[in-house]
Amino acid sequence: MLKESENIEYKESLTQLKKAVISISSILNKHKKGKIFFGIKNDSKVIGVSIGKSTLRDISKTISDHIEPKIYPEIKEEIIEGQKCISISFSGENTPYFAYGRAYKRVSDENKSLTKDELEKMFSSNKKNIWDATINEFELRHISDKKLKNYVTQIGLKYSSKNEVLEKLNLLHKRKLTNASVILFGKKPSQFFNLLNLRCAVFSGFDKASPFIDMKDFHGDVFELIEYAQQYILQHINVGMRLDGLKRVDIPEINLDAIREAIINAFCHRDYTINQEIQIAVFKDRVEILNPGDLIDGLKVKDILTKKISKRRNELIADIFHRIHYIERWGTGIGIIRQLEPNTTFEEVGDFFLVTFKRRDIEKSEGLKDGVKDGVKDGVKLTKNQEKIIFEIRNNPQITTEELIEIIKINKRNMEKNIAKLRDKKIIKRIGSDKSGHWEIIE
């Protein structure tokens, strides 16, 4: 009978499955192979486990869902000393492995979290372990011909065969597919990477404590998620218009190119080893794009803002994006965003990178038809609070005075004064009663 060691572990029952998953990642990071048994006590006494029709399949799914990069262990029922037990044999070269979004190392019979320095050392000591270039156990059937052909057409390459194109794009090495190949061109990337999601929400107020108006999760490849992210933001911010000759031109309150640049940067530079989706939050005063992964190699926000230094975390993904003109090799993305939206802020928040766009009253944007322009209408100057009142009334003509007070954060007396002035200037008027009526903007 085998004894417990750094790469062999016993578990009494399947209630310890989560701990077993952590042990698997820990053993892989230290020894690159190991074995776990269910139905055996720490003192090597065999007690067996109850095995149902779906038990082995459920174990396999739990391991698949919570260990990154993916591994494909051998899970089987074994009779040991007359008792039914379960053995899991596993191996993997693509260290570091993460369980439930964290990396562990094996120290004797304990699992200890890897520090940030240990993780960086593990990555740098083995170049092939860069996540997007990591080889994984995928098959060519997991890659979409349609997606690959569409991309090749856009960059002006000839489509010969799936193998040859993937090799030219550096996504296939010695007939083995990389992680990047699946998240970019996979038929169902989320089948392999639960972290490859996009979570979006619209909040009714100024922080996440306020009730949300809408929340949606998106799944797909990286290119699809970029489009979903852009569309979601545009659907939930204000869009004005101007006339270019006889043609209507829509103008979002946040520059569309700046939004797109920030979204592309998020998917290009995120840390894909962190088991967390990219998040987009739309508030009344701002839009936030939060992606997993702080700046690499000791870079600070001030470096990318003042010195315009840029380093890539995912070289393969960056190259694919560059070929299709999503990004420039010179790392000019932040500069473009600041040029188009000067009030944008960039922050490191723990292990995440946060881009915040300030929203503005779309009616004030230059060149828009109707509404308030630069805080002036018909030669009448408006205060900031009056502009906010007009903005809220445009969005919701049924809004009450109490709701305006709550949103704009002024007292009742000041609110009544501002409304009275707007009425006197013939900018707004009330139709119907205070309870059942609505506001109108006088154009």
Protein backbone atom coordinates (compact mmCIF):
# COMPACT_ATOMS: atom_id res chain seq x y z
CA MET A 1 0.00 0.00 0.00
CA LEU A 2 1.31 3.48 -0.94
CA LYS A 3 1.99 6.01 1.80
CA GLU A 4 1.07 9.69 1.78
CA SER A 5 3.83 11.95 0.52
CA GLU A 6 4.28 15.28 -1.25
CA ASN A 7 2.72 13.87 -4.41
CA ILE A 8 0.32 11.25 -2.99
CA GLU A 9 -2.64 12.23 -0.83
CA TYR A 10 -5.52 10.40 0.87
CA LYS A 11 -9.03 11.78 1.40
CA GLU A 12 -11.67 10.07 3.52
CA SER A 13 -14.73 11.18 1.56
CA LEU A 14 -15.93 13.19 -1.42
CA THR A 15 -16.90 16.05 0.91
CA GLN A 16 -13.19 16.91 0.69
CA LEU A 17 -13.29 17.30 -3.09
CA LYS A 18 -12.53 21.05 -3.05
CA LYS A 19 -9.45 20.44 -0.88
CA ALA A 20 -8.43 17.67 -3.28
CA VAL A 21 -8.67 20.04 -6.27
CA ILE A 22 -6.38 22.51 -4.45
CA SER A 23 -3.99 19.66 -3.66
CA ILE A 24 -3.89 18.64 -7.33
CA SER A 25 -2.81 22.13 -8.42
CA SER A 26 -0.33 22.32 -5.55
CA ILE A 27 1.27 18.96 -6.39
CA LEU A 28 1.45 19.85 -10.08
CA ASN A 29 3.25 23.10 -9.30
CA LYS A 30 5.86 21.19 -7.26
CA HIS A 31 6.18 17.75 -8.90
CA LYS A 32 4.18 18.00 -12.16
CA LYS A 33 2.45 14.69 -11.41
CA GLY A 34 0.75 12.94 -8.53
CA LYS A 35 -2.12 10.82 -7.26
CA ILE A 36 -5.08 11.31 -4.92
CA PHE A 37 -7.25 8.59 -3.38
CA PHE A 38 -10.75 8.92 -1.94
CA GLY A 39 -11.80 6.37 0.68
CA ILE A 40 -8.55 6.24 2.67
CA LYS A 41 -7.81 7.97 5.98
CA ASN A 42 -4.60 9.91 6.68
CA ASP A 43 -3.31 6.97 8.70
CA SER A 44 -3.70 4.75 5.58
CA LYS A 45 -6.79 2.95 6.90
CA VAL A 46 -9.06 2.05 3.97
CA ILE A 47 -12.74 2.84 4.61
CA GLY A 48 -14.09 3.13 1.05
CA VAL A 49 -16.55 5.61 -0.47
CA SER A 50 -20.02 5.41 -1.95
CA ILE A 51 -19.86 5.57 -5.75
CA GLY A 52 -22.95 6.45 -7.78
CA LYS A 53 -23.59 6.51 -11.53
CA SER A 54 -22.38 10.09 -11.97
CA THR A 55 -19.72 10.22 -9.23
CA LEU A 56 -16.67 9.92 -11.49
CA ARG A 57 -18.18 12.32 -14.02
CA ASP A 58 -18.94 14.89 -11.29
CA ILE A 59 -15.35 14.69 -10.03
CA SER A 60 -14.06 15.20 -13.56
CA LYS A 61 -16.29 18.24 -14.06
CA THR A 62 -15.21 19.82 -10.76
CA ILE A 63 -11.55 19.45 -11.70
CA SER A 64 -12.20 20.80 -15.19
CA ASP A 65 -14.17 23.79 -13.88
CA HIS A 66 -11.71 24.86 -11.22
CA ILE A 67 -8.16 24.13 -12.40
CA GLU A 68 -6.40 26.34 -14.95
CA PRO A 69 -4.71 25.48 -17.29
CA LYS A 70 -6.90 22.47 -18.01
CA ILE A 71 -5.68 19.00 -17.08
CA TYR A 72 -7.06 15.64 -18.12
CA PRO A 73 -6.63 13.25 -15.18
CA GLU A 74 -7.36 9.54 -15.13
CA ILE A 75 -10.22 8.98 -12.68
CA LYS A 76 -11.24 5.43 -11.87
CA GLU A 77 -12.77 3.14 -9.30
CA GLU A 78 -10.33 0.85 -7.50
CA ILE A 79 -10.87 -2.01 -5.05
CA ILE A 80 -8.36 -1.60 -2.22
CA GLU A 81 -8.42 -4.08 0.68
CA GLY A 82 -11.90 -5.10 -0.38
CA GLN A 83 -13.27 -1.53 -0.32
CA LYS A 84 -14.43 0.65 -3.21
CA CYS A 85 -12.13 3.65 -3.57
CA ILE A 86 -11.53 6.31 -6.21
CA SER A 87 -8.09 7.17 -7.59
CA ILE A 88 -7.14 10.29 -9.53
CA SER A 89 -3.85 10.18 -11.45
CA PHE A 90 -2.75 13.49 -12.94
CA SER A 91 0.21 15.16 -14.63
CA GLY A 92 1.01 18.44 -16.36
CA GLU A 93 3.93 20.53 -17.57
CA ASN A 94 2.17 23.88 -17.92
CA THR A 95 2.94 25.31 -14.50
CA PRO A 96 1.80 27.35 -12.69
CA TYR A 97 -1.58 25.71 -12.16
CA PHE A 98 -4.40 27.59 -10.44
CA ALA A 99 -7.22 26.16 -8.34
CA TYR A 100 -10.27 28.35 -7.74
CA GLY A 101 -8.30 31.31 -9.10
CA ARG A 102 -5.26 30.91 -6.81
CA ALA A 103 -1.89 29.19 -7.19
CA TYR A 104 -0.52 26.87 -4.50
CA LYS A 105 2.70 25.00 -3.79
CA ARG A 106 3.25 21.72 -1.96
CA VAL A 107 5.22 21.86 1.29
CA SER A 108 5.31 18.42 2.94
CA ASP A 109 1.63 17.48 3.11
CA GLU A 110 0.33 21.09 3.14
CA ASN A 111 -0.86 23.40 0.37
CA LYS A 112 0.47 26.95 0.69
CA SER A 113 -0.39 29.90 -1.53
CA LEU A 114 2.29 31.04 -3.94
CA THR A 115 3.38 34.62 -3.37
CA LYS A 116 3.39 37.14 -6.20
CA ASP A 117 7.20 36.98 -6.37
CA GLU A 118 7.13 33.17 -6.54
CA LEU A 119 4.57 33.31 -9.34
CA GLU A 120 6.60 35.82 -11.33
CA LYS A 121 9.71 33.71 -10.86
CA MET A 122 7.86 30.61 -12.05
CA PHE A 123 6.64 32.44 -15.15
CA SER A 124 9.99 34.04 -15.98
CA SER A 125 12.01 30.88 -15.40
CA ASN A 126 10.09 29.09 -18.13
CA LYS A 127 9.14 31.28 -21.07
CA LYS A 128 6.74 28.71 -22.47
CA ASN A 129 4.56 29.19 -19.39
CA ILE A 130 3.34 32.58 -20.57
CA TRP A 131 -0.39 31.91 -20.51
CA ASP A 132 -1.43 32.73 -24.06
CA ALA A 133 1.50 30.74 -25.52
CA THR A 134 0.98 27.75 -23.21
CA ILE A 135 0.35 24.45 -25.01
CA ASN A 136 -2.83 22.69 -23.95
CA GLU A 137 -4.65 19.46 -24.76
CA PHE A 138 -6.98 20.91 -27.39
CA GLU A 139 -7.89 19.37 -30.72
CA LEU A 140 -8.22 21.01 -34.12
CA ARG A 141 -11.96 20.25 -34.07
CA HIS A 142 -12.27 22.77 -31.24
CA ILE A 143 -11.19 25.58 -33.63
CA SER A 144 -13.82 27.25 -35.82
CA ASP A 145 -12.98 27.17 -39.55
CA LYS A 146 -15.39 30.05 -40.15
CA LYS A 147 -13.76 32.32 -37.56
CA LEU A 148 -10.27 31.49 -38.76
CA LYS A 149 -11.13 32.06 -42.43
CA ASN A 150 -12.79 35.38 -41.63
CA TYR A 151 -9.71 36.58 -39.76
CA VAL A 152 -7.31 35.43 -42.48
CA THR A 153 -9.36 37.28 -45.10
CA GLN A 154 -9.20 40.49 -43.08
CA ILE A 155 -5.40 40.40 -42.73
CA GLY A 156 -4.83 39.44 -46.37
CA LEU A 157 -3.49 35.92 -45.88
CA LYS A 158 -4.38 32.97 -48.07
CA TYR A 159 -6.32 30.22 -46.31
CA SER A 160 -4.64 26.92 -47.13
CA SER A 161 -5.44 24.60 -44.25
CA LYS A 162 -6.32 25.01 -40.59
CA ASN A 163 -2.94 23.55 -39.56
CA GLU A 164 -0.90 25.82 -41.80
CA VAL A 165 -2.75 29.01 -40.90
CA LEU A 166 -2.49 28.34 -37.17
CA GLU A 167 1.23 27.69 -37.54
CA LYS A 168 1.70 30.96 -39.45
CA LEU A 169 -0.09 32.78 -36.64
CA ASN A 170 2.15 31.02 -34.06
CA LEU A 171 -0.90 29.43 -32.46
CA LEU A 172 0.16 25.85 -33.20
CA HIS A 173 3.49 24.36 -32.10
CA LYS A 174 4.50 20.78 -32.93
CA ARG A 175 0.87 20.00 -33.70
CA LYS A 176 -0.20 21.26 -30.27
CA LEU A 177 -2.60 24.18 -29.84
CA THR A 178 -1.98 27.15 -27.55
CA ASN A 179 -4.43 28.73 -25.11
CA ALA A 180 -4.57 31.78 -27.39
CA SER A 181 -5.83 29.68 -30.32
CA VAL A 182 -8.97 28.67 -28.43
CA ILE A 183 -9.87 31.99 -26.80
CA LEU A 184 -9.45 33.73 -30.18
CA PHE A 185 -10.86 31.20 -32.64
CA GLY A 186 -12.46 28.45 -30.57
CA LYS A 187 -15.98 27.24 -31.30
CA LYS A 188 -16.90 27.41 -27.59
CA PRO A 189 -13.99 28.93 -25.62
CA SER A 190 -15.94 29.00 -22.34
CA GLN A 191 -16.12 25.20 -22.54
CA PHE A 192 -12.43 25.23 -21.60
CA PHE A 193 -11.99 28.59 -19.87
CA ASN A 194 -14.66 29.63 -17.39
CA LEU A 195 -12.74 32.85 -16.81
CA LEU A 196 -13.35 33.96 -20.41
CA ASN A 197 -16.60 35.81 -19.71
CA LEU A 198 -17.83 39.38 -19.75
CA ARG A 199 -20.07 40.71 -16.97
CA CYS A 200 -21.96 43.97 -17.52
CA ALA A 201 -24.31 45.93 -15.30
CA VAL A 202 -26.10 49.28 -15.15
CA PHE A 203 -26.59 50.82 -11.70
CA SER A 204 -29.27 53.35 -10.85
CA GLY A 205 -26.97 55.52 -8.75
CA PHE A 206 -23.34 56.41 -8.21
CA ASP A 207 -22.00 53.20 -6.69
CA LYS A 208 -22.59 49.45 -6.58
CA ALA A 209 -24.69 49.80 -3.45
CA SER A 210 -27.44 51.35 -5.59
CA PRO A 211 -29.97 48.98 -7.22
CA PHE A 212 -28.95 47.76 -10.64
CA ILE A 213 -31.19 48.43 -13.62
CA ASP A 214 -29.72 45.75 -15.85
CA MET A 215 -27.19 42.95 -15.55
CA LYS A 216 -25.97 40.57 -18.24
CA ASP A 217 -23.23 37.97 -18.72
CA PHE A 218 -21.75 37.31 -22.16
CA HIS A 219 -19.84 34.28 -23.45
CA GLY A 220 -17.84 33.86 -26.64
CA ASP A 221 -14.37 34.26 -28.11
CA VAL A 222 -12.32 37.39 -27.42
CA PHE A 223 -13.39 39.14 -30.63
CA GLU A 224 -17.07 38.52 -29.87
CA LEU A 225 -16.71 39.74 -26.28
CA ILE A 226 -15.07 42.97 -27.46
CA GLU A 227 -18.11 43.67 -29.65
CA TYR A 228 -20.56 42.72 -26.89
CA ALA A 229 -18.78 45.09 -24.48
CA GLN A 230 -18.87 48.00 -26.90
CA GLN A 231 -22.54 47.45 -27.79
CA TYR A 232 -23.53 47.19 -24.14
CA ILE A 233 -21.95 50.50 -23.21
CA LEU A 234 -23.47 52.28 -26.21
CA GLN A 235 -26.91 50.89 -25.34
CA HIS A 236 -26.72 52.33 -21.82
CA ILE A 237 -25.17 55.76 -22.25
CA ASN A 238 -26.68 58.83 -23.89
CA VAL A 239 -26.29 59.27 -27.62
CA GLY A 240 -26.97 62.62 -29.25
CA MET A 241 -26.86 63.57 -32.89
CA ARG A 242 -25.73 66.25 -35.30
CA LEU A 243 -26.47 66.81 -38.96
CA ASP A 244 -23.70 66.38 -41.51
CA GLY A 245 -25.44 67.80 -44.56
CA LEU A 246 -28.61 65.71 -44.73
CA LYS A 247 -27.06 62.81 -42.86
CA ARG A 248 -27.67 62.18 -39.16
CA VAL A 249 -24.49 61.39 -37.20
CA ASP A 250 -24.85 59.79 -33.76
CA ILE A 251 -22.53 61.15 -31.06
CA PRO A 252 -22.20 59.17 -27.80
CA GLU A 253 -21.51 61.16 -24.63
CA ILE A 254 -18.25 59.15 -24.35
CA ASN A 255 -16.13 58.98 -27.50
CA LEU A 256 -16.68 55.64 -29.24
CA ASP A 257 -13.04 55.21 -30.28
CA ALA A 258 -11.90 55.79 -26.69
CA ILE A 259 -14.37 53.19 -25.43
CA ARG A 260 -13.24 50.65 -28.01
CA GLU A 261 -9.56 51.27 -27.28
CA ALA A 262 -10.12 50.66 -23.57
CA ILE A 263 -12.08 47.45 -24.20
CA ILE A 264 -9.46 46.07 -26.60
CA ASN A 265 -6.69 46.92 -24.11
CA ALA A 266 -8.60 45.10 -21.38
CA PHE A 267 -8.78 41.85 -23.36
CA CYS A 268 -5.26 42.19 -24.72
CA HIS A 269 -3.48 42.91 -21.44
CA ARG A 270 -5.61 41.11 -18.84
CA ASP A 271 -4.13 38.34 -16.71
CA TYR A 272 -5.89 35.21 -17.94
CA THR A 273 -4.64 33.16 -14.99
CA ILE A 274 -6.95 35.09 -12.66
CA ASN A 275 -10.31 33.33 -12.52
CA GLN A 276 -12.35 36.50 -12.91
CA GLU A 277 -14.30 37.96 -15.82
CA ILE A 278 -13.81 41.43 -17.27
CA GLN A 279 -16.46 43.70 -15.76
CA ILE A 280 -18.21 46.77 -17.14
CA ALA A 281 -20.24 48.93 -14.78
CA VAL A 282 -22.36 51.87 -15.96
CA PHE A 283 -23.18 54.44 -13.26
CA LYS A 284 -25.03 57.75 -13.48
CA ASP A 285 -21.78 59.71 -13.61
CA ARG A 286 -19.24 57.29 -15.11
CA VAL A 287 -18.47 54.03 -16.91
CA GLU A 288 -15.91 51.64 -15.41
CA ILE A 289 -13.98 48.89 -17.23
CA LEU A 290 -12.27 46.52 -14.79
CA ASN A 291 -9.93 43.79 -16.01
CA PRO A 292 -7.99 41.19 -14.01
CA GLY A 293 -4.27 41.85 -13.85
CA ASP A 294 -2.20 44.74 -12.58
CA LEU A 295 0.67 46.28 -14.55
CA ILE A 296 3.58 43.88 -15.15
CA ASP A 297 7.32 44.07 -14.43
CA GLY A 298 6.98 46.78 -11.80
CA LEU A 299 5.32 49.30 -14.13
CA LYS A 300 3.26 52.01 -12.47
CA VAL A 301 0.34 54.03 -13.80
CA LYS A 302 2.50 57.17 -13.84
CA ASP A 303 4.99 55.35 -16.12
CA ILE A 304 2.38 54.63 -18.79
CA LEU A 305 0.91 58.12 -18.49
CA THR A 306 4.03 60.31 -18.35
CA LYS A 307 6.77 58.17 -19.86
CA LYS A 308 4.43 56.35 -22.26
CA ILE A 309 6.03 53.00 -21.47
CA SER A 310 4.07 49.90 -22.43
CA LYS A 311 4.80 46.21 -21.79
CA ARG A 312 2.77 43.29 -23.02
CA ARG A 313 1.55 40.46 -20.88
CA ASN A 314 0.15 38.41 -23.79
CA GLU A 315 2.47 38.60 -26.80
CA LEU A 316 0.50 36.16 -28.96
CA ILE A 317 -2.82 37.90 -28.41
CA ALA A 318 -1.17 41.29 -28.97
CA ASP A 319 0.28 40.08 -32.28
CA ILE A 320 -3.10 38.79 -33.46
CA PHE A 321 -4.68 42.13 -32.52
CA HIS A 322 -1.92 44.07 -34.26
CA ARG A 323 -2.37 42.16 -37.53
CA ILE A 324 -6.02 43.18 -37.61
CA HIS A 325 -5.16 46.77 -36.57
CA TYR A 326 -6.83 46.52 -33.17
CA ILE A 327 -3.65 47.79 -31.50
CA GLU A 328 -0.36 49.41 -32.50
CA ARG A 329 3.02 47.89 -31.66
CA TRP A 330 4.08 51.15 -30.02
CA GLY A 331 1.55 50.80 -27.20
CA THR A 332 -0.29 54.03 -27.98
CA GLY A 333 -3.67 52.91 -26.61
CA ILE A 334 -3.59 54.91 -23.37
CA GLY A 335 -2.46 58.01 -25.24
CA ILE A 336 -5.34 57.70 -27.71
CA ILE A 337 -7.85 57.35 -24.87
CA ARG A 338 -6.46 60.42 -23.07
CA GLN A 339 -6.50 62.45 -26.27
CA LEU A 340 -10.13 61.57 -27.01
CA GLU A 341 -11.37 61.62 -23.39
CA PRO A 342 -8.94 63.74 -21.30
CA ASN A 343 -10.86 63.17 -18.04
CA THR A 344 -10.39 59.39 -18.15
CA THR A 345 -8.62 57.92 -15.11
CA PHE A 346 -6.45 54.79 -14.85
CA GLU A 347 -5.89 52.94 -11.58
CA GLU A 348 -4.46 49.73 -10.17
CA VAL A 349 -6.92 48.28 -7.68
CA GLY A 350 -5.34 45.25 -6.02
CA ASP A 351 -4.68 42.73 -8.80
CA PHE A 352 -6.98 44.59 -11.22
CA PHE A 353 -6.69 47.50 -13.64
CA LEU A 354 -9.52 50.04 -13.71
CA VAL A 355 -10.34 52.51 -16.49
CA THR A 356 -13.00 55.10 -15.63
CA PHE A 357 -14.73 57.30 -18.21
CA LYS A 358 -16.55 60.36 -16.89
CA ARG A 359 -20.06 60.74 -18.29
CA ARG A 360 -21.28 64.18 -19.33
CA ASP A 361 -24.60 65.72 -20.29
CA ILE A 362 -24.79 64.70 -23.94
CA GLU A 363 -26.85 67.77 -24.79
CA LYS A 364 -23.76 69.91 -24.09
CA SER A 365 -21.57 68.15 -26.67
CA GLU A 366 -20.39 70.37 -29.48
CA GLY A 367 -22.41 70.19 -32.67
CA LEU A 368 -25.47 68.44 -31.23
CA LYS A 369 -28.86 69.45 -32.50
CA ASP A 370 -31.28 70.91 -29.89
CA GLY A 371 -30.86 70.95 -26.16
CA VAL A 372 -28.28 72.73 -24.04
CA LYS A 373 -25.00 73.59 -25.74
CA ASP A 374 -22.02 74.58 -23.58
CA GLY A 375 -24.45 75.40 -20.75
CA VAL A 376 -26.20 78.11 -22.84
CA LYS A 377 -29.63 78.11 -24.46
CA ASP A 378 -30.96 81.14 -26.28
CA GLY A 379 -28.22 83.25 -24.73
CA VAL A 380 -29.17 82.24 -21.18
CA LYS A 381 -26.42 80.84 -18.96
CA LEU A 382 -27.28 77.88 -16.78
CA THR A 383 -25.72 76.68 -13.55
CA LYS A 384 -24.32 73.16 -13.22
CA ASN A 385 -27.32 72.10 -11.13
CA GLN A 386 -29.73 73.49 -13.72
CA GLU A 387 -27.92 71.57 -16.46
CA LYS A 388 -28.23 68.41 -14.37
CA ILE A 389 -31.96 69.00 -13.87
CA ILE A 390 -32.48 69.36 -17.61
CA PHE A 391 -30.41 66.22 -18.25
CA GLU A 392 -32.49 64.16 -15.80
CA ILE A 393 -35.78 65.50 -17.18
CA ARG A 394 -34.72 64.57 -20.71
CA ASN A 395 -33.96 61.03 -19.55
CA ASN A 396 -37.15 60.71 -17.50
CA PRO A 397 -39.95 63.30 -18.07
CA GLN A 398 -41.96 61.68 -15.23
CA ILE A 399 -39.20 62.28 -12.68
CA THR A 400 -40.40 63.79 -9.38
CA THR A 401 -38.89 66.66 -7.44
CA GLU A 402 -37.97 64.24 -4.66
CA GLU A 403 -36.10 62.03 -7.13
CA LEU A 404 -34.26 65.05 -8.53
CA ILE A 405 -33.22 66.05 -5.00
CA GLU A 406 -31.86 62.54 -4.37
CA ILE A 407 -29.93 62.38 -7.66
CA ILE A 408 -28.48 65.90 -7.74
CA LYS A 409 -27.81 66.05 -3.99
CA ILE A 410 -29.23 69.50 -3.18
CA ASN A 411 -31.88 70.41 -0.61
CA LYS A 412 -35.57 70.92 -1.38
CA ARG A 413 -35.45 74.73 -1.20
CA ASN A 414 -32.55 74.96 -3.69
CA MET A 415 -34.26 72.48 -6.00
CA GLU A 416 -37.48 74.53 -6.01
CA LYS A 417 -35.49 77.72 -6.73
CA ASN A 418 -33.69 76.11 -9.69
CA ILE A 419 -36.91 74.69 -11.13
CA ALA A 420 -38.60 78.09 -10.77
CA LYS A 421 -35.73 79.79 -12.63
CA LEU A 422 -35.85 77.23 -15.43
CA ARG A 423 -39.60 77.81 -15.74
CA ASP A 424 -39.16 81.60 -15.74
CA LYS A 425 -36.57 81.29 -18.51
CA LYS A 426 -39.06 79.15 -20.44
CA ILE A 427 -36.69 76.19 -20.62
CA ILE A 428 -38.96 73.67 -18.89
CA LYS A 429 -42.67 73.42 -18.18
CA ARG A 430 -44.92 71.09 -16.25
CA ILE A 431 -47.77 69.32 -18.02
CA GLY A 432 -50.54 68.05 -15.74
CA SER A 433 -50.55 67.73 -11.95
CA ASP A 434 -47.54 67.32 -9.67
CA LYS A 435 -48.45 63.68 -9.03
CA SER A 436 -49.58 62.38 -12.42
CA GLY A 437 -48.12 64.91 -14.83
CA HIS A 438 -44.71 65.15 -16.59
CA TRP A 439 -42.02 67.64 -17.53
CA GLU A 440 -41.32 69.00 -21.00
CA ILE A 441 -38.21 70.71 -22.34
CA ILE A 442 -39.22 73.78 -24.35
CA GLU A 443 -37.15 73.57 -27.55
